[in-house]
Amino acid sequence: MRGVNLTPHAVVVFRSEDTERDERRVLHPKDGATPILSTQPSGTIARAAERSVPLDDVEVDGVSIPVTRKTFVLPVTGLPEPEDGTFYVVSQITAAAVPDRDDVFFAGEAVRNGEGMIIGCVGLSRA
């Protein structure tokens, strides 16, 4: 199977068993862990546009707080039609806009280095 990265950054994937949690419950790669997948951006970015639909306000301590429902404007731009043997990595918001596409994934739980910067993820996820 071939993966196409439709995000603006590299996607680096680790196996769960190659990571461990620190005392703050942050995931880090174990010593010597190597990624199982590393994909560079394809040059195309898939994007979903959101729309906010106003709902009734919520009153909190005498203050009226506006509430909206987020919906998506379809079609998603930059996302090719399904192709046999190909999957696409997109942002979580973009994946949420196309929940019926079984070929669309987003990065799993973040894996961080010692400085707290995201360096990868554990597996891929679906909306």
N, C-alpha and C. Protein backbone atom coordinates (compact mmCIF):
# COMPACT_ATOMS: atom_id res chain seq x y z
N MET A 1 0.84 -1.18 0.00
CA MET A 1 0.00 0.00 0.00
C MET A 1 0.89 1.24 0.00
N ARG A 2 0.43 2.28 -0.63
CA ARG A 2 1.18 3.53 -0.76
C ARG A 2 0.46 4.62 0.03
N GLY A 3 1.24 5.38 0.82
CA GLY A 3 0.68 6.48 1.58
C GLY A 3 1.06 7.82 0.96
N VAL A 4 0.11 8.74 0.93
CA VAL A 4 0.34 10.09 0.40
C VAL A 4 0.08 11.07 1.53
N ASN A 5 1.07 11.87 1.85
CA ASN A 5 0.99 12.85 2.93
C ASN A 5 0.44 14.16 2.38
N LEU A 6 -0.80 14.47 2.76
CA LEU A 6 -1.46 15.69 2.30
C LEU A 6 -1.50 16.74 3.40
N THR A 7 -0.46 16.74 4.26
CA THR A 7 -0.29 17.76 5.30
C THR A 7 0.93 18.60 4.94
N PRO A 8 1.12 19.74 5.62
CA PRO A 8 2.28 20.58 5.31
C PRO A 8 3.56 20.19 6.05
N HIS A 9 3.55 19.05 6.76
CA HIS A 9 4.73 18.65 7.53
C HIS A 9 4.95 17.15 7.42
N ALA A 10 6.15 16.72 7.76
CA ALA A 10 6.45 15.28 7.74
C ALA A 10 5.57 14.56 8.75
N VAL A 11 5.23 13.32 8.43
CA VAL A 11 4.48 12.48 9.37
C VAL A 11 5.38 11.28 9.67
N VAL A 12 5.74 11.15 10.96
CA VAL A 12 6.64 10.10 11.42
C VAL A 12 5.84 9.22 12.39
N VAL A 13 5.77 7.92 12.10
CA VAL A 13 4.91 7.01 12.86
C VAL A 13 5.75 5.98 13.61
N PHE A 14 5.45 5.83 14.91
CA PHE A 14 6.08 4.83 15.76
C PHE A 14 5.05 3.76 16.14
N ARG A 15 5.54 2.57 16.48
CA ARG A 15 4.69 1.54 17.08
C ARG A 15 4.47 1.90 18.55
N SER A 16 3.33 1.55 19.06
CA SER A 16 3.01 1.82 20.47
C SER A 16 4.05 1.19 21.40
N GLU A 17 4.46 -0.03 21.10
CA GLU A 17 5.41 -0.72 21.97
C GLU A 17 6.80 -0.10 21.95
N ASP A 18 7.05 0.80 21.02
CA ASP A 18 8.34 1.49 20.95
C ASP A 18 8.32 2.84 21.65
N THR A 19 7.24 3.09 22.41
CA THR A 19 7.11 4.35 23.15
C THR A 19 6.84 4.07 24.61
N GLU A 20 7.06 5.09 25.44
CA GLU A 20 6.76 4.96 26.87
C GLU A 20 6.31 6.32 27.39
N ARG A 21 5.53 6.29 28.48
CA ARG A 21 5.02 7.52 29.08
C ARG A 21 5.91 7.95 30.24
N ASP A 22 6.12 9.26 30.34
CA ASP A 22 6.87 9.76 31.48
C ASP A 22 5.90 10.05 32.63
N GLU A 23 6.40 10.64 33.70
CA GLU A 23 5.58 10.90 34.89
C GLU A 23 4.43 11.87 34.61
N ARG A 24 4.54 12.65 33.53
CA ARG A 24 3.46 13.58 33.15
C ARG A 24 2.50 12.95 32.15
N ARG A 25 2.70 11.67 31.84
CA ARG A 25 1.90 10.90 30.89
C ARG A 25 2.13 11.31 29.44
N VAL A 26 3.30 11.91 29.18
CA VAL A 26 3.67 12.30 27.82
C VAL A 26 4.41 11.14 27.17
N LEU A 27 4.08 10.84 25.92
CA LEU A 27 4.73 9.74 25.20
C LEU A 27 6.08 10.17 24.64
N HIS A 28 7.06 9.30 24.80
CA HIS A 28 8.41 9.49 24.25
C HIS A 28 8.83 8.19 23.59
N PRO A 29 9.71 8.24 22.58
CA PRO A 29 10.22 7.00 22.02
C PRO A 29 11.18 6.35 23.02
N LYS A 30 11.15 5.03 23.08
CA LYS A 30 12.13 4.30 23.89
C LYS A 30 13.50 4.45 23.23
N ASP A 31 14.55 4.27 24.02
CA ASP A 31 15.91 4.34 23.48
C ASP A 31 16.04 3.36 22.33
N GLY A 32 16.57 3.82 21.22
CA GLY A 32 16.79 2.98 20.06
C GLY A 32 15.57 2.77 19.18
N ALA A 33 14.42 3.34 19.55
CA ALA A 33 13.21 3.16 18.74
C ALA A 33 13.38 3.84 17.39
N THR A 34 12.91 3.18 16.35
CA THR A 34 12.95 3.77 15.02
C THR A 34 11.53 3.82 14.47
N PRO A 35 11.23 4.84 13.70
CA PRO A 35 9.89 4.95 13.11
C PRO A 35 9.60 3.80 12.15
N ILE A 36 8.33 3.46 12.04
CA ILE A 36 7.92 2.44 11.07
C ILE A 36 7.48 3.07 9.76
N LEU A 37 7.23 4.39 9.78
CA LEU A 37 6.85 5.12 8.58
C LEU A 37 7.29 6.57 8.74
N SER A 38 7.82 7.13 7.69
CA SER A 38 8.17 8.54 7.68
C SER A 38 7.85 9.07 6.29
N THR A 39 6.90 9.98 6.22
CA THR A 39 6.50 10.51 4.92
C THR A 39 6.68 12.02 4.89
N GLN A 40 7.22 12.50 3.82
CA GLN A 40 7.37 13.94 3.60
C GLN A 40 6.10 14.48 2.95
N PRO A 41 5.83 15.77 3.10
CA PRO A 41 4.66 16.35 2.45
C PRO A 41 4.71 16.13 0.94
N SER A 42 3.55 15.85 0.36
CA SER A 42 3.48 15.60 -1.08
C SER A 42 3.51 16.89 -1.89
N GLY A 43 3.28 18.01 -1.23
CA GLY A 43 3.18 19.28 -1.94
C GLY A 43 1.75 19.74 -2.12
N THR A 44 0.80 18.83 -1.89
CA THR A 44 -0.62 19.16 -1.91
C THR A 44 -1.14 19.08 -0.48
N ILE A 45 -1.94 20.04 -0.08
CA ILE A 45 -2.51 20.03 1.27
C ILE A 45 -4.02 19.88 1.15
N ALA A 46 -4.55 18.85 1.80
CA ALA A 46 -6.00 18.65 1.84
C ALA A 46 -6.55 19.52 2.97
N ARG A 47 -7.61 20.26 2.68
CA ARG A 47 -8.18 21.16 3.68
C ARG A 47 -9.70 21.05 3.70
N ALA A 48 -10.22 21.13 4.91
CA ALA A 48 -11.66 21.20 5.11
C ALA A 48 -11.99 22.57 5.65
N ALA A 49 -12.95 23.21 5.06
CA ALA A 49 -13.40 24.51 5.56
C ALA A 49 -14.51 24.27 6.58
N GLU A 50 -14.43 25.00 7.69
CA GLU A 50 -15.44 24.90 8.73
C GLU A 50 -16.41 26.08 8.62
N ARG A 51 -17.61 25.82 9.06
CA ARG A 51 -18.62 26.86 9.14
C ARG A 51 -19.20 26.80 10.55
N SER A 52 -19.43 27.96 11.14
CA SER A 52 -20.03 28.02 12.47
C SER A 52 -21.50 28.38 12.35
N VAL A 53 -22.34 27.53 12.90
CA VAL A 53 -23.78 27.77 12.90
C VAL A 53 -24.16 28.22 14.30
N PRO A 54 -24.72 29.44 14.45
CA PRO A 54 -25.06 29.94 15.78
C PRO A 54 -26.16 29.11 16.44
N LEU A 55 -25.99 28.84 17.72
CA LEU A 55 -27.00 28.17 18.55
C LEU A 55 -27.39 29.13 19.66
N ASP A 56 -28.25 28.68 20.55
CA ASP A 56 -28.64 29.52 21.68
C ASP A 56 -27.44 29.74 22.59
N ASP A 57 -27.34 30.95 23.13
CA ASP A 57 -26.28 31.26 24.08
C ASP A 57 -26.47 30.46 25.37
N VAL A 58 -25.37 30.32 26.10
CA VAL A 58 -25.40 29.69 27.42
C VAL A 58 -25.08 30.79 28.43
N GLU A 59 -25.85 30.84 29.49
CA GLU A 59 -25.59 31.86 30.51
C GLU A 59 -24.77 31.25 31.63
N VAL A 60 -23.65 31.91 31.94
CA VAL A 60 -22.74 31.46 32.99
C VAL A 60 -22.49 32.64 33.92
N ASP A 61 -22.90 32.49 35.17
CA ASP A 61 -22.69 33.56 36.17
C ASP A 61 -23.15 34.92 35.66
N GLY A 62 -24.31 34.93 35.01
CA GLY A 62 -24.88 36.19 34.54
C GLY A 62 -24.30 36.71 33.25
N VAL A 63 -23.38 35.96 32.64
CA VAL A 63 -22.78 36.37 31.37
C VAL A 63 -23.27 35.45 30.27
N SER A 64 -23.69 36.03 29.16
CA SER A 64 -24.17 35.26 28.02
C SER A 64 -22.99 34.86 27.14
N ILE A 65 -22.79 33.55 26.96
CA ILE A 65 -21.68 33.01 26.17
C ILE A 65 -22.24 32.50 24.84
N PRO A 66 -21.74 33.01 23.71
CA PRO A 66 -22.22 32.50 22.42
C PRO A 66 -21.79 31.05 22.21
N VAL A 67 -22.65 30.27 21.60
CA VAL A 67 -22.38 28.86 21.30
C VAL A 67 -22.65 28.64 19.82
N THR A 68 -21.77 27.89 19.18
CA THR A 68 -21.95 27.55 17.76
C THR A 68 -21.78 26.06 17.57
N ARG A 69 -22.27 25.57 16.46
CA ARG A 69 -22.03 24.19 16.04
C ARG A 69 -21.13 24.28 14.83
N LYS A 70 -20.02 23.55 14.85
CA LYS A 70 -19.09 23.53 13.73
C LYS A 70 -19.58 22.50 12.71
N THR A 71 -19.66 22.91 11.48
CA THR A 71 -19.97 22.00 10.38
C THR A 71 -18.89 22.19 9.32
N PHE A 72 -18.88 21.32 8.34
CA PHE A 72 -17.87 21.39 7.30
C PHE A 72 -18.49 21.80 5.98
N VAL A 73 -17.73 22.56 5.21
CA VAL A 73 -18.12 22.94 3.87
C VAL A 73 -17.49 21.91 2.94
N LEU A 74 -18.31 21.19 2.22
CA LEU A 74 -17.79 20.18 1.30
C LEU A 74 -17.85 20.70 -0.12
N PRO A 75 -17.00 20.25 -1.01
CA PRO A 75 -16.04 19.19 -0.80
C PRO A 75 -14.76 19.69 -0.14
N VAL A 76 -14.01 18.74 0.41
CA VAL A 76 -12.68 19.01 0.94
C VAL A 76 -11.78 19.31 -0.25
N THR A 77 -10.94 20.33 -0.13
CA THR A 77 -10.03 20.65 -1.25
C THR A 77 -8.73 19.88 -1.09
N GLY A 78 -8.13 19.51 -2.20
CA GLY A 78 -6.83 18.86 -2.19
C GLY A 78 -6.85 17.38 -1.90
N LEU A 79 -8.02 16.79 -1.71
CA LEU A 79 -8.12 15.35 -1.40
C LEU A 79 -8.53 14.61 -2.67
N PRO A 80 -7.64 13.78 -3.21
CA PRO A 80 -7.98 13.04 -4.43
C PRO A 80 -9.10 12.03 -4.18
N GLU A 81 -9.68 11.60 -5.25
CA GLU A 81 -10.66 10.51 -5.18
C GLU A 81 -9.94 9.24 -4.71
N PRO A 82 -10.66 8.29 -4.11
CA PRO A 82 -10.01 7.04 -3.68
C PRO A 82 -9.30 6.36 -4.85
N GLU A 83 -8.15 5.76 -4.52
CA GLU A 83 -7.35 5.05 -5.51
C GLU A 83 -6.93 3.73 -4.89
N ASP A 84 -7.14 2.63 -5.59
CA ASP A 84 -6.77 1.31 -5.06
C ASP A 84 -5.32 1.29 -4.60
N GLY A 85 -5.07 0.76 -3.41
CA GLY A 85 -3.73 0.61 -2.90
C GLY A 85 -3.11 1.88 -2.35
N THR A 86 -3.91 2.94 -2.17
CA THR A 86 -3.39 4.22 -1.70
C THR A 86 -4.20 4.72 -0.51
N PHE A 87 -3.49 5.23 0.51
CA PHE A 87 -4.17 5.90 1.61
C PHE A 87 -3.61 7.31 1.73
N TYR A 88 -4.38 8.17 2.37
CA TYR A 88 -4.02 9.59 2.48
C TYR A 88 -3.93 9.99 3.94
N VAL A 89 -2.89 10.74 4.29
CA VAL A 89 -2.73 11.28 5.64
C VAL A 89 -3.06 12.77 5.57
N VAL A 90 -4.02 13.18 6.38
CA VAL A 90 -4.52 14.56 6.39
C VAL A 90 -4.60 15.04 7.83
N SER A 91 -5.02 16.28 8.03
CA SER A 91 -5.23 16.79 9.39
C SER A 91 -6.46 16.11 10.00
N GLN A 92 -6.56 16.16 11.33
CA GLN A 92 -7.70 15.56 12.01
C GLN A 92 -9.01 16.23 11.59
N ILE A 93 -8.99 17.55 11.42
CA ILE A 93 -10.20 18.26 11.00
C ILE A 93 -10.62 17.82 9.60
N THR A 94 -9.65 17.67 8.71
CA THR A 94 -9.98 17.23 7.36
C THR A 94 -10.54 15.82 7.37
N ALA A 95 -9.95 14.93 8.15
CA ALA A 95 -10.46 13.56 8.24
C ALA A 95 -11.88 13.56 8.80
N ALA A 96 -12.17 14.41 9.76
CA ALA A 96 -13.51 14.48 10.35
C ALA A 96 -14.55 14.91 9.32
N ALA A 97 -14.13 15.67 8.32
CA ALA A 97 -15.06 16.15 7.29
C ALA A 97 -15.45 15.05 6.30
N VAL A 98 -14.67 13.95 6.26
CA VAL A 98 -14.95 12.86 5.31
C VAL A 98 -14.96 11.52 6.05
N PRO A 99 -15.84 11.35 7.05
CA PRO A 99 -15.82 10.14 7.88
C PRO A 99 -16.13 8.86 7.11
N ASP A 100 -16.72 8.96 5.93
CA ASP A 100 -17.05 7.76 5.15
C ASP A 100 -15.88 7.26 4.30
N ARG A 101 -14.78 8.01 4.26
CA ARG A 101 -13.62 7.60 3.48
C ARG A 101 -12.73 6.70 4.33
N ASP A 102 -12.63 5.43 3.96
CA ASP A 102 -11.79 4.50 4.74
C ASP A 102 -10.33 4.54 4.31
N ASP A 103 -10.00 5.42 3.37
CA ASP A 103 -8.62 5.58 2.91
C ASP A 103 -7.98 6.86 3.45
N VAL A 104 -8.64 7.52 4.41
CA VAL A 104 -8.17 8.80 4.94
C VAL A 104 -7.84 8.63 6.43
N PHE A 105 -6.63 9.03 6.81
CA PHE A 105 -6.14 8.89 8.17
C PHE A 105 -5.53 10.20 8.65
N PHE A 106 -5.36 10.33 9.96
CA PHE A 106 -4.61 11.44 10.54
C PHE A 106 -3.66 10.88 11.57
N ALA A 107 -2.71 11.69 12.00
CA ALA A 107 -1.68 11.25 12.95
C ALA A 107 -2.30 10.79 14.25
N GLY A 108 -1.79 9.69 14.80
CA GLY A 108 -2.22 9.19 16.09
C GLY A 108 -1.67 10.04 17.22
N GLU A 109 -1.67 9.50 18.42
CA GLU A 109 -1.22 10.25 19.60
C GLU A 109 0.21 10.75 19.43
N ALA A 110 0.45 11.98 19.85
CA ALA A 110 1.75 12.63 19.66
C ALA A 110 2.85 11.95 20.46
N VAL A 111 4.03 11.84 19.85
CA VAL A 111 5.25 11.37 20.50
C VAL A 111 6.19 12.57 20.53
N ARG A 112 6.77 12.84 21.71
CA ARG A 112 7.60 14.04 21.90
C ARG A 112 9.02 13.68 22.26
N ASN A 113 9.94 14.61 21.96
CA ASN A 113 11.33 14.43 22.37
C ASN A 113 11.51 14.95 23.79
N GLY A 114 12.73 14.94 24.28
CA GLY A 114 13.02 15.38 25.65
C GLY A 114 12.70 16.83 25.92
N GLU A 115 12.65 17.65 24.88
CA GLU A 115 12.31 19.07 25.03
C GLU A 115 10.81 19.32 24.89
N GLY A 116 10.04 18.26 24.68
CA GLY A 116 8.59 18.41 24.57
C GLY A 116 8.08 18.69 23.17
N MET A 117 8.97 18.73 22.18
CA MET A 117 8.53 18.98 20.80
C MET A 117 8.00 17.69 20.17
N ILE A 118 6.93 17.82 19.40
CA ILE A 118 6.37 16.66 18.72
C ILE A 118 7.34 16.21 17.63
N ILE A 119 7.69 14.91 17.68
CA ILE A 119 8.61 14.35 16.69
C ILE A 119 7.94 13.22 15.89
N GLY A 120 6.73 12.87 16.26
CA GLY A 120 6.03 11.79 15.56
C GLY A 120 4.73 11.49 16.24
N CYS A 121 4.20 10.32 15.90
CA CYS A 121 2.93 9.88 16.46
C CYS A 121 2.94 8.37 16.60
N VAL A 122 1.97 7.86 17.35
CA VAL A 122 1.80 6.42 17.48
C VAL A 122 0.68 6.02 16.53
N GLY A 123 1.04 5.30 15.49
CA GLY A 123 0.04 4.83 14.54
C GLY A 123 -0.69 5.95 13.83
N LEU A 124 -1.69 5.55 13.09
CA LEU A 124 -2.57 6.49 12.41
C LEU A 124 -3.98 6.31 12.97
N SER A 125 -4.79 7.32 12.82
CA SER A 125 -6.16 7.28 13.35
C SER A 125 -7.15 7.60 12.24
N ARG A 126 -8.40 7.24 12.49
CA ARG A 126 -9.49 7.53 11.58
C ARG A 126 -10.56 8.31 12.30
N ALA A 127 -11.28 9.12 11.56
CA ALA A 127 -12.37 9.90 12.15
C ALA A 127 -13.56 9.01 12.44
